[in-house]
Amino acid sequence: MVTLLVLAALLAAPSFGGGSVWVSNEDGTVSRIGPRRNKVVKTIRLGGSRTGAVAFRKVWVGDFGRGRLIGINPKRNRVERRISLPKADWITASADSLWVSSETGKIYRVDPVSLAVRAVMTVGANPLESSWVAGRLWVPNIDDNTVSVVDPGTNAVVRTIPVGQSPLAVAEGAGSAWVTSDFDGDLWRLDP
């Protein structure tokens, strides 16, 4: 069975948590979708939003335009937490932190409880959708055609890998890092 839901222009891949599917929309809202009936059950207005992740009992949204990291309580369907982060964009969770990419060429490691910035790492130009591979954060840098590998133990880039044009997202699978290209649809397989 295939079901189509028509929403405002989506900005990110959907996230799942709290019994729902969450998507960020171009109009500055986040849609909560009930998977049983395939319907939007709540629309949360943020004023701006970009991408999201579900972790630490919150739905986290990077508000690129306003430079904020926003935490939504899924039980109440409302914003409960926010901090300023320049050009906050993609969010990747680890066991103890939120790792937020910024178009400024940085990754911010944020404590999900206190919202304190634990570390700031300089990576390549315009980092996007990161993933954990072999215990390290792999960060695609779309504007300089590289992937940065960050060690969470030292909060430092330990490797920079040149790839083809416009790396967009990284996923882990079969012991490798898989990197997609926004430019030509290429898929690169990189060994950790």
N, C-alpha and C. Protein backbone atom coordinates (compact mmCIF):
# COMPACT_ATOMS: atom_id res chain seq x y z
N MET A 1 0.84 -1.17 0.00
CA MET A 1 0.00 0.00 0.00
C MET A 1 0.89 1.24 0.00
N VAL A 2 0.54 2.22 -0.80
CA VAL A 2 1.25 3.49 -0.85
C VAL A 2 0.26 4.59 -0.48
N THR A 3 0.66 5.45 0.46
CA THR A 3 -0.18 6.57 0.88
C THR A 3 0.58 7.85 0.64
N LEU A 4 -0.06 8.85 0.11
CA LEU A 4 0.56 10.13 -0.14
C LEU A 4 -0.04 11.18 0.79
N LEU A 5 0.83 11.88 1.50
CA LEU A 5 0.41 13.02 2.32
C LEU A 5 0.99 14.25 1.68
N VAL A 6 0.19 15.24 1.46
CA VAL A 6 0.66 16.48 0.86
C VAL A 6 0.82 17.51 1.98
N LEU A 7 2.06 17.98 2.18
CA LEU A 7 2.37 18.97 3.19
C LEU A 7 2.98 20.18 2.51
N ALA A 8 3.24 21.22 3.28
CA ALA A 8 4.01 22.34 2.75
C ALA A 8 5.35 21.77 2.31
N ALA A 9 6.10 22.50 1.53
CA ALA A 9 7.38 22.02 1.03
C ALA A 9 8.25 21.54 2.18
N LEU A 10 8.68 20.29 2.11
CA LEU A 10 9.49 19.71 3.17
C LEU A 10 10.94 20.14 3.02
N LEU A 11 11.61 20.27 4.17
CA LEU A 11 13.01 20.68 4.16
C LEU A 11 13.96 19.57 4.56
N ALA A 12 13.47 18.49 5.13
CA ALA A 12 14.37 17.47 5.64
C ALA A 12 13.71 16.12 5.58
N ALA A 13 14.55 15.10 5.76
CA ALA A 13 14.02 13.75 5.88
C ALA A 13 13.19 13.66 7.15
N PRO A 14 12.16 12.84 7.16
CA PRO A 14 11.34 12.72 8.36
C PRO A 14 12.10 12.03 9.48
N SER A 15 11.70 12.32 10.72
CA SER A 15 12.24 11.66 11.91
C SER A 15 11.09 10.95 12.59
N PHE A 16 11.40 9.86 13.32
CA PHE A 16 10.36 9.12 14.02
C PHE A 16 10.66 9.13 15.51
N GLY A 17 9.64 9.41 16.33
CA GLY A 17 9.79 9.38 17.77
C GLY A 17 8.50 9.81 18.45
N GLY A 18 8.30 9.37 19.68
CA GLY A 18 7.09 9.73 20.41
C GLY A 18 5.84 9.20 19.74
N GLY A 19 5.97 8.09 19.00
CA GLY A 19 4.83 7.49 18.33
C GLY A 19 4.37 8.21 17.08
N SER A 20 5.19 9.15 16.59
CA SER A 20 4.79 9.93 15.42
C SER A 20 5.96 10.12 14.45
N VAL A 21 5.62 10.56 13.27
CA VAL A 21 6.60 10.99 12.28
C VAL A 21 6.61 12.51 12.31
N TRP A 22 7.81 13.12 12.31
CA TRP A 22 7.97 14.57 12.41
C TRP A 22 8.69 15.07 11.17
N VAL A 23 8.16 16.12 10.56
CA VAL A 23 8.82 16.72 9.40
C VAL A 23 8.85 18.24 9.54
N SER A 24 9.96 18.83 9.12
CA SER A 24 10.08 20.29 9.08
C SER A 24 9.59 20.77 7.73
N ASN A 25 8.87 21.88 7.74
CA ASN A 25 8.29 22.42 6.52
C ASN A 25 8.90 23.78 6.20
N GLU A 26 8.89 24.11 4.94
CA GLU A 26 9.47 25.36 4.47
C GLU A 26 8.76 26.59 5.04
N ASP A 27 7.52 26.44 5.47
CA ASP A 27 6.76 27.59 5.98
C ASP A 27 7.04 27.89 7.45
N GLY A 28 8.09 27.26 8.03
CA GLY A 28 8.44 27.54 9.42
C GLY A 28 7.65 26.74 10.43
N THR A 29 7.05 25.64 10.01
CA THR A 29 6.30 24.78 10.91
C THR A 29 6.93 23.39 10.97
N VAL A 30 6.52 22.64 11.98
CA VAL A 30 6.86 21.23 12.08
C VAL A 30 5.54 20.48 12.11
N SER A 31 5.41 19.46 11.27
CA SER A 31 4.20 18.64 11.23
C SER A 31 4.42 17.34 11.99
N ARG A 32 3.45 17.02 12.86
CA ARG A 32 3.43 15.74 13.56
C ARG A 32 2.41 14.88 12.85
N ILE A 33 2.84 13.72 12.38
CA ILE A 33 1.98 12.84 11.59
C ILE A 33 1.74 11.55 12.37
N GLY A 34 0.48 11.20 12.53
CA GLY A 34 0.10 9.94 13.17
C GLY A 34 0.21 8.82 12.14
N PRO A 35 1.10 7.85 12.35
CA PRO A 35 1.31 6.82 11.33
C PRO A 35 0.15 5.84 11.15
N ARG A 36 -0.73 5.72 12.14
CA ARG A 36 -1.86 4.79 11.98
C ARG A 36 -2.87 5.28 10.95
N ARG A 37 -3.13 6.57 10.98
CA ARG A 37 -4.14 7.14 10.05
C ARG A 37 -3.51 7.96 8.95
N ASN A 38 -2.18 8.11 9.00
CA ASN A 38 -1.45 8.88 7.98
C ASN A 38 -2.00 10.29 7.85
N LYS A 39 -2.21 10.93 8.99
CA LYS A 39 -2.74 12.30 8.99
C LYS A 39 -1.90 13.18 9.89
N VAL A 40 -1.85 14.45 9.52
CA VAL A 40 -1.20 15.43 10.37
C VAL A 40 -2.09 15.62 11.60
N VAL A 41 -1.53 15.36 12.78
CA VAL A 41 -2.30 15.50 14.00
C VAL A 41 -1.99 16.80 14.74
N LYS A 42 -0.88 17.43 14.39
CA LYS A 42 -0.53 18.71 15.00
C LYS A 42 0.48 19.43 14.11
N THR A 43 0.30 20.74 14.01
CA THR A 43 1.27 21.59 13.32
C THR A 43 1.78 22.60 14.35
N ILE A 44 3.09 22.62 14.51
CA ILE A 44 3.72 23.49 15.51
C ILE A 44 4.44 24.61 14.77
N ARG A 45 4.05 25.83 15.06
CA ARG A 45 4.64 27.00 14.41
C ARG A 45 5.89 27.44 15.16
N LEU A 46 6.98 27.58 14.42
CA LEU A 46 8.25 27.99 15.02
C LEU A 46 8.70 29.35 14.51
N GLY A 47 8.19 29.76 13.40
CA GLY A 47 8.63 31.00 12.77
C GLY A 47 9.75 30.76 11.78
N GLY A 48 10.37 29.63 11.87
CA GLY A 48 11.44 29.24 10.96
C GLY A 48 11.93 27.88 11.40
N SER A 49 12.23 27.02 10.48
CA SER A 49 12.78 25.72 10.84
C SER A 49 13.53 25.15 9.66
N ARG A 50 14.33 24.16 9.93
CA ARG A 50 15.16 23.61 8.88
C ARG A 50 15.14 22.09 8.90
N THR A 51 15.75 21.52 9.88
CA THR A 51 15.89 20.07 9.94
C THR A 51 15.62 19.60 11.35
N GLY A 52 15.46 18.31 11.51
CA GLY A 52 15.14 17.84 12.84
C GLY A 52 15.68 16.46 13.16
N ALA A 53 15.62 16.16 14.46
CA ALA A 53 16.01 14.85 14.98
C ALA A 53 15.18 14.61 16.23
N VAL A 54 14.93 13.34 16.54
CA VAL A 54 14.23 12.98 17.75
C VAL A 54 15.24 12.29 18.66
N ALA A 55 15.48 12.90 19.84
CA ALA A 55 16.44 12.35 20.79
C ALA A 55 16.22 12.98 22.16
N PHE A 56 16.58 12.26 23.20
CA PHE A 56 16.50 12.78 24.57
C PHE A 56 15.09 13.28 24.90
N ARG A 57 14.10 12.53 24.47
CA ARG A 57 12.68 12.81 24.72
C ARG A 57 12.21 14.16 24.19
N LYS A 58 12.85 14.63 23.15
CA LYS A 58 12.47 15.89 22.51
C LYS A 58 12.57 15.73 20.99
N VAL A 59 11.86 16.59 20.31
CA VAL A 59 12.04 16.74 18.86
C VAL A 59 12.90 17.99 18.70
N TRP A 60 14.07 17.85 18.10
CA TRP A 60 15.02 18.95 17.96
C TRP A 60 14.98 19.48 16.54
N VAL A 61 14.94 20.79 16.42
CA VAL A 61 14.87 21.43 15.11
C VAL A 61 15.96 22.48 15.03
N GLY A 62 16.69 22.47 13.92
CA GLY A 62 17.66 23.53 13.65
C GLY A 62 16.95 24.62 12.86
N ASP A 63 16.96 25.81 13.38
CA ASP A 63 16.35 26.97 12.72
C ASP A 63 17.48 27.77 12.07
N PHE A 64 17.77 27.43 10.85
CA PHE A 64 18.88 28.00 10.10
C PHE A 64 18.78 29.52 9.99
N GLY A 65 17.63 30.02 9.59
CA GLY A 65 17.45 31.44 9.33
C GLY A 65 17.59 32.32 10.56
N ARG A 66 17.11 31.83 11.70
CA ARG A 66 17.18 32.62 12.93
C ARG A 66 18.32 32.20 13.85
N GLY A 67 19.07 31.17 13.45
CA GLY A 67 20.21 30.75 14.24
C GLY A 67 19.85 30.22 15.61
N ARG A 68 18.97 29.19 15.62
CA ARG A 68 18.53 28.63 16.90
C ARG A 68 18.46 27.11 16.82
N LEU A 69 18.71 26.48 17.96
CA LEU A 69 18.41 25.07 18.15
C LEU A 69 17.18 25.04 19.04
N ILE A 70 16.13 24.34 18.59
CA ILE A 70 14.84 24.36 19.27
C ILE A 70 14.48 22.95 19.71
N GLY A 71 14.01 22.80 20.96
CA GLY A 71 13.55 21.52 21.48
C GLY A 71 12.04 21.56 21.70
N ILE A 72 11.33 20.63 21.08
CA ILE A 72 9.87 20.53 21.20
C ILE A 72 9.53 19.35 22.10
N ASN A 73 8.66 19.56 23.07
CA ASN A 73 8.17 18.49 23.92
C ASN A 73 7.06 17.76 23.15
N PRO A 74 7.27 16.48 22.79
CA PRO A 74 6.26 15.78 22.00
C PRO A 74 4.99 15.44 22.78
N LYS A 75 5.04 15.46 24.11
CA LYS A 75 3.83 15.21 24.88
C LYS A 75 2.91 16.41 24.88
N ARG A 76 3.48 17.60 24.80
CA ARG A 76 2.69 18.84 24.83
C ARG A 76 2.59 19.52 23.47
N ASN A 77 3.38 19.04 22.50
CA ASN A 77 3.38 19.63 21.16
C ASN A 77 3.73 21.12 21.20
N ARG A 78 4.72 21.47 22.01
CA ARG A 78 5.12 22.87 22.03
C ARG A 78 6.61 23.01 22.34
N VAL A 79 7.14 24.16 21.96
CA VAL A 79 8.55 24.46 22.17
C VAL A 79 8.80 24.64 23.66
N GLU A 80 9.83 23.93 24.16
CA GLU A 80 10.21 24.08 25.56
C GLU A 80 11.63 24.57 25.74
N ARG A 81 12.48 24.35 24.75
CA ARG A 81 13.89 24.70 24.89
C ARG A 81 14.36 25.40 23.62
N ARG A 82 15.30 26.32 23.78
CA ARG A 82 15.95 26.91 22.60
C ARG A 82 17.22 27.62 23.02
N ILE A 83 18.20 27.57 22.13
CA ILE A 83 19.44 28.33 22.31
C ILE A 83 19.85 28.90 20.97
N SER A 84 20.66 29.92 21.02
CA SER A 84 21.18 30.52 19.80
C SER A 84 22.41 29.75 19.33
N LEU A 85 22.41 29.36 18.07
CA LEU A 85 23.56 28.74 17.40
C LEU A 85 23.59 29.32 15.99
N PRO A 86 24.69 29.92 15.58
CA PRO A 86 24.73 30.53 14.25
C PRO A 86 24.40 29.53 13.15
N LYS A 87 23.41 29.86 12.35
CA LYS A 87 23.00 29.07 11.18
C LYS A 87 22.84 27.58 11.51
N ALA A 88 22.17 27.29 12.63
CA ALA A 88 21.92 25.90 13.05
C ALA A 88 21.22 25.15 11.93
N ASP A 89 21.71 23.96 11.63
CA ASP A 89 21.21 23.24 10.48
C ASP A 89 20.92 21.79 10.87
N TRP A 90 21.64 20.84 10.35
CA TRP A 90 21.39 19.42 10.58
C TRP A 90 21.77 19.02 11.99
N ILE A 91 21.04 18.06 12.55
CA ILE A 91 21.27 17.60 13.92
C ILE A 91 21.46 16.09 13.91
N THR A 92 22.54 15.65 14.58
CA THR A 92 22.81 14.22 14.75
C THR A 92 23.01 13.98 16.23
N ALA A 93 22.32 12.99 16.78
CA ALA A 93 22.44 12.70 18.21
C ALA A 93 23.45 11.59 18.45
N SER A 94 24.12 11.67 19.61
CA SER A 94 24.94 10.57 20.12
C SER A 94 24.33 10.17 21.46
N ALA A 95 25.00 9.33 22.21
CA ALA A 95 24.46 8.87 23.49
C ALA A 95 24.35 9.99 24.51
N ASP A 96 25.16 11.05 24.37
CA ASP A 96 25.16 12.11 25.38
C ASP A 96 25.09 13.53 24.83
N SER A 97 24.99 13.69 23.52
CA SER A 97 25.07 15.03 22.95
C SER A 97 24.23 15.16 21.69
N LEU A 98 23.97 16.42 21.34
CA LEU A 98 23.43 16.77 20.03
C LEU A 98 24.57 17.40 19.25
N TRP A 99 24.77 16.99 18.03
CA TRP A 99 25.84 17.51 17.17
C TRP A 99 25.15 18.29 16.07
N VAL A 100 25.32 19.60 16.08
CA VAL A 100 24.57 20.49 15.20
C VAL A 100 25.52 21.10 14.18
N SER A 101 25.20 20.90 12.90
CA SER A 101 26.03 21.51 11.86
C SER A 101 25.61 22.96 11.64
N SER A 102 26.54 23.75 11.17
CA SER A 102 26.29 25.16 10.89
C SER A 102 26.93 25.51 9.56
N GLU A 103 26.23 26.29 8.77
CA GLU A 103 26.79 26.69 7.48
C GLU A 103 28.08 27.50 7.63
N THR A 104 28.39 27.90 8.84
CA THR A 104 29.63 28.62 9.11
C THR A 104 30.85 27.71 9.06
N GLY A 105 30.65 26.41 8.77
CA GLY A 105 31.76 25.47 8.70
C GLY A 105 32.13 24.89 10.05
N LYS A 106 31.15 24.81 10.94
CA LYS A 106 31.41 24.31 12.28
C LYS A 106 30.38 23.25 12.67
N ILE A 107 30.78 22.41 13.62
CA ILE A 107 29.88 21.47 14.29
C ILE A 107 29.87 21.86 15.75
N TYR A 108 28.68 22.04 16.32
CA TYR A 108 28.52 22.37 17.73
C TYR A 108 28.07 21.11 18.47
N ARG A 109 28.80 20.77 19.53
CA ARG A 109 28.40 19.66 20.40
C ARG A 109 27.64 20.27 21.57
N VAL A 110 26.37 19.92 21.69
CA VAL A 110 25.48 20.55 22.67
C VAL A 110 24.97 19.52 23.67
N ASP A 111 25.03 19.87 24.95
CA ASP A 111 24.47 19.04 26.00
C ASP A 111 22.94 19.15 25.92
N PRO A 112 22.22 18.04 25.77
CA PRO A 112 20.77 18.11 25.59
C PRO A 112 19.99 18.51 26.84
N VAL A 113 20.61 18.44 28.01
CA VAL A 113 19.93 18.80 29.25
C VAL A 113 20.13 20.28 29.56
N SER A 114 21.38 20.72 29.63
CA SER A 114 21.68 22.11 29.98
C SER A 114 21.67 23.04 28.78
N LEU A 115 21.75 22.48 27.58
CA LEU A 115 21.89 23.21 26.32
C LEU A 115 23.20 24.01 26.26
N ALA A 116 24.17 23.62 27.06
CA ALA A 116 25.49 24.24 27.00
C ALA A 116 26.25 23.68 25.80
N VAL A 117 27.01 24.53 25.13
CA VAL A 117 27.86 24.09 24.03
C VAL A 117 29.12 23.49 24.66
N ARG A 118 29.34 22.20 24.46
CA ARG A 118 30.49 21.50 25.03
C ARG A 118 31.76 21.68 24.20
N ALA A 119 31.58 21.77 22.89
CA ALA A 119 32.74 21.90 22.00
C ALA A 119 32.28 22.46 20.66
N VAL A 120 33.20 23.10 19.97
CA VAL A 120 32.97 23.59 18.62
C VAL A 120 34.12 23.09 17.75
N MET A 121 33.79 22.40 16.68
CA MET A 121 34.79 21.87 15.77
C MET A 121 34.68 22.54 14.41
N THR A 122 35.79 22.93 13.84
CA THR A 122 35.80 23.48 12.50
C THR A 122 35.94 22.32 11.52
N VAL A 123 34.99 22.23 10.60
CA VAL A 123 35.01 21.18 9.57
C VAL A 123 35.10 21.87 8.22
N GLY A 124 34.60 21.26 7.16
CA GLY A 124 34.65 21.88 5.83
C GLY A 124 33.52 22.88 5.63
N ALA A 125 33.41 23.36 4.41
CA ALA A 125 32.44 24.39 4.06
C ALA A 125 31.03 23.82 3.93
N ASN A 126 30.11 24.36 4.75
CA ASN A 126 28.69 24.02 4.74
C ASN A 126 28.45 22.54 5.04
N PRO A 127 28.67 22.11 6.29
CA PRO A 127 28.41 20.72 6.67
C PRO A 127 26.92 20.42 6.69
N LEU A 128 26.56 19.20 6.28
CA LEU A 128 25.14 18.85 6.21
C LEU A 128 24.82 17.63 7.05
N GLU A 129 24.16 16.61 6.47
CA GLU A 129 23.58 15.50 7.23
C GLU A 129 24.62 14.45 7.60
N SER A 130 25.06 14.52 8.85
CA SER A 130 26.11 13.64 9.38
C SER A 130 25.54 12.31 9.84
N SER A 131 26.46 11.37 10.11
CA SER A 131 26.06 10.07 10.64
C SER A 131 27.22 9.48 11.43
N TRP A 132 26.88 8.57 12.34
CA TRP A 132 27.89 7.86 13.13
C TRP A 132 28.34 6.62 12.38
N VAL A 133 29.65 6.51 12.16
CA VAL A 133 30.24 5.35 11.50
C VAL A 133 31.47 4.94 12.32
N ALA A 134 31.48 3.71 12.79
CA ALA A 134 32.61 3.18 13.56
C ALA A 134 32.97 4.10 14.75
N GLY A 135 31.95 4.64 15.42
CA GLY A 135 32.18 5.44 16.61
C GLY A 135 32.64 6.86 16.37
N ARG A 136 32.63 7.30 15.11
CA ARG A 136 33.02 8.67 14.78
C ARG A 136 31.92 9.34 13.95
N LEU A 137 31.88 10.67 14.06
CA LEU A 137 30.89 11.44 13.31
C LEU A 137 31.46 11.77 11.93
N TRP A 138 30.77 11.33 10.89
CA TRP A 138 31.18 11.59 9.51
C TRP A 138 30.31 12.73 8.99
N VAL A 139 30.96 13.79 8.55
CA VAL A 139 30.28 15.04 8.20
C VAL A 139 30.52 15.38 6.73
N PRO A 140 29.46 15.38 5.89
CA PRO A 140 29.65 15.79 4.48
C PRO A 140 29.66 17.32 4.38
N ASN A 141 30.64 17.84 3.67
CA ASN A 141 30.80 19.29 3.49
C ASN A 141 30.50 19.62 2.04
N ILE A 142 29.28 20.06 1.78
CA ILE A 142 28.79 20.18 0.41
C ILE A 142 29.53 21.21 -0.43
N ASP A 143 30.04 22.26 0.20
CA ASP A 143 30.65 23.34 -0.59
C ASP A 143 32.15 23.19 -0.81
N ASP A 144 32.79 22.17 -0.21
CA ASP A 144 34.21 21.95 -0.54
C ASP A 144 34.52 20.51 -0.91
N ASN A 145 33.45 19.72 -1.15
CA ASN A 145 33.60 18.37 -1.70
C ASN A 145 34.45 17.45 -0.83
N THR A 146 34.24 17.54 0.49
CA THR A 146 34.97 16.68 1.43
C THR A 146 34.02 16.07 2.45
N VAL A 147 34.54 15.10 3.17
CA VAL A 147 33.88 14.54 4.33
C VAL A 147 34.87 14.67 5.49
N SER A 148 34.43 15.26 6.59
CA SER A 148 35.25 15.38 7.79
C SER A 148 34.86 14.27 8.75
N VAL A 149 35.86 13.64 9.38
CA VAL A 149 35.61 12.60 10.36
C VAL A 149 36.02 13.16 11.72
N VAL A 150 35.03 13.22 12.66
CA VAL A 150 35.24 13.82 13.97
C VAL A 150 35.29 12.73 15.04
N ASP A 151 36.33 12.77 15.88
CA ASP A 151 36.45 11.87 17.01
C ASP A 151 35.77 12.50 18.22
N PRO A 152 34.70 11.86 18.77
CA PRO A 152 34.00 12.46 19.89
C PRO A 152 34.82 12.46 21.19
N GLY A 153 35.84 11.63 21.27
CA GLY A 153 36.68 11.59 22.45
C GLY A 153 37.57 12.82 22.58
N THR A 154 37.99 13.36 21.44
CA THR A 154 38.88 14.53 21.43
C THR A 154 38.20 15.78 20.90
N ASN A 155 36.98 15.63 20.37
CA ASN A 155 36.26 16.74 19.74
C ASN A 155 37.12 17.39 18.66
N ALA A 156 37.74 16.56 17.85
CA ALA A 156 38.63 17.06 16.80
C ALA A 156 38.42 16.30 15.50
N VAL A 157 38.67 16.98 14.39
CA VAL A 157 38.65 16.34 13.08
C VAL A 157 39.92 15.51 12.96
N VAL A 158 39.76 14.20 12.73
CA VAL A 158 40.91 13.31 12.63
C VAL A 158 41.22 12.91 11.19
N ARG A 159 40.32 13.24 10.29
CA ARG A 159 40.51 12.86 8.89
C ARG A 159 39.62 13.72 8.01
N THR A 160 40.14 14.15 6.87
CA THR A 160 39.35 14.84 5.87
C THR A 160 39.51 14.08 4.57
N ILE A 161 38.39 13.67 3.99
CA ILE A 161 38.41 12.80 2.81
C ILE A 161 37.84 13.57 1.62
N PRO A 162 38.63 13.77 0.56
CA PRO A 162 38.07 14.38 -0.65
C PRO A 162 37.14 13.38 -1.34
N VAL A 163 35.97 13.87 -1.74
CA VAL A 163 35.03 13.06 -2.50
C VAL A 163 34.62 13.85 -3.74
N GLY A 164 33.67 13.35 -4.50
CA GLY A 164 33.19 14.07 -5.68
C GLY A 164 32.37 15.29 -5.30
N GLN A 165 31.71 15.86 -6.27
CA GLN A 165 30.98 17.11 -6.08
C GLN A 165 29.78 16.98 -5.14
N SER A 166 29.64 17.97 -4.28
CA SER A 166 28.44 18.21 -3.46
C SER A 166 28.00 17.04 -2.59
N PRO A 167 28.85 16.55 -1.67
CA PRO A 167 28.39 15.50 -0.75
C PRO A 167 27.28 16.05 0.14
N LEU A 168 26.19 15.32 0.22
CA LEU A 168 24.98 15.81 0.88
C LEU A 168 24.70 15.13 2.22
N ALA A 169 24.79 13.81 2.25
CA ALA A 169 24.40 13.07 3.45
C ALA A 169 25.27 11.82 3.58
N VAL A 170 25.45 11.37 4.84
CA VAL A 170 26.19 10.15 5.13
C VAL A 170 25.27 9.19 5.86
N ALA A 171 25.39 7.91 5.53
CA ALA A 171 24.69 6.85 6.25
C ALA A 171 25.67 5.72 6.51
N GLU A 172 25.47 4.99 7.61
CA GLU A 172 26.32 3.86 7.94
C GLU A 172 25.62 2.59 7.50
N GLY A 173 26.39 1.66 6.92
CA GLY A 173 25.82 0.38 6.53
C GLY A 173 26.91 -0.57 6.08
N ALA A 174 26.80 -1.83 6.46
CA ALA A 174 27.75 -2.87 6.06
C ALA A 174 29.19 -2.49 6.40
N GLY A 175 29.37 -1.81 7.52
CA GLY A 175 30.71 -1.45 7.97
C GLY A 175 31.36 -0.31 7.22
N SER A 176 30.58 0.40 6.41
CA SER A 176 31.12 1.50 5.60
C SER A 176 30.32 2.77 5.79
N ALA A 177 30.90 3.87 5.35
CA ALA A 177 30.18 5.14 5.27
C ALA A 177 29.71 5.30 3.83
N TRP A 178 28.44 5.58 3.64
CA TRP A 178 27.85 5.78 2.32
C TRP A 178 27.51 7.26 2.20
N VAL A 179 28.02 7.90 1.16
CA VAL A 179 27.88 9.35 0.99
C VAL A 179 27.16 9.63 -0.33
N THR A 180 26.07 10.42 -0.24
CA THR A 180 25.32 10.77 -1.44
C THR A 180 25.79 12.12 -1.98
N SER A 181 25.57 12.30 -3.28
CA SER A 181 25.93 13.55 -3.95
C SER A 181 24.67 14.30 -4.35
N ASP A 182 24.64 15.61 -4.05
CA ASP A 182 23.53 16.45 -4.46
C ASP A 182 23.67 16.86 -5.92
N PHE A 183 24.86 16.76 -6.46
CA PHE A 183 25.14 17.26 -7.81
C PHE A 183 24.70 16.29 -8.90
N ASP A 184 25.14 15.04 -8.83
CA ASP A 184 24.90 14.13 -9.94
C ASP A 184 24.31 12.79 -9.52
N GLY A 185 23.94 12.65 -8.25
CA GLY A 185 23.34 11.39 -7.80
C GLY A 185 24.33 10.29 -7.53
N ASP A 186 25.63 10.59 -7.50
CA ASP A 186 26.62 9.57 -7.18
C ASP A 186 26.46 9.10 -5.74
N LEU A 187 26.92 7.89 -5.49
CA LEU A 187 26.97 7.33 -4.15
C LEU A 187 28.37 6.78 -3.94
N TRP A 188 29.05 7.28 -2.90
CA TRP A 188 30.40 6.83 -2.61
C TRP A 188 30.38 5.93 -1.39
N ARG A 189 31.18 4.87 -1.42
CA ARG A 189 31.35 3.98 -0.27
C ARG A 189 32.76 4.20 0.26
N LEU A 190 32.85 4.59 1.54
CA LEU A 190 34.14 4.88 2.15
C LEU A 190 34.36 3.95 3.33
N ASP A 191 35.58 3.43 3.45
CA ASP A 191 35.91 2.56 4.57
C ASP A 191 36.39 3.39 5.75
N PRO A 192 35.91 3.05 6.94
CA PRO A 192 36.37 3.77 8.13
C PRO A 192 37.82 3.46 8.39
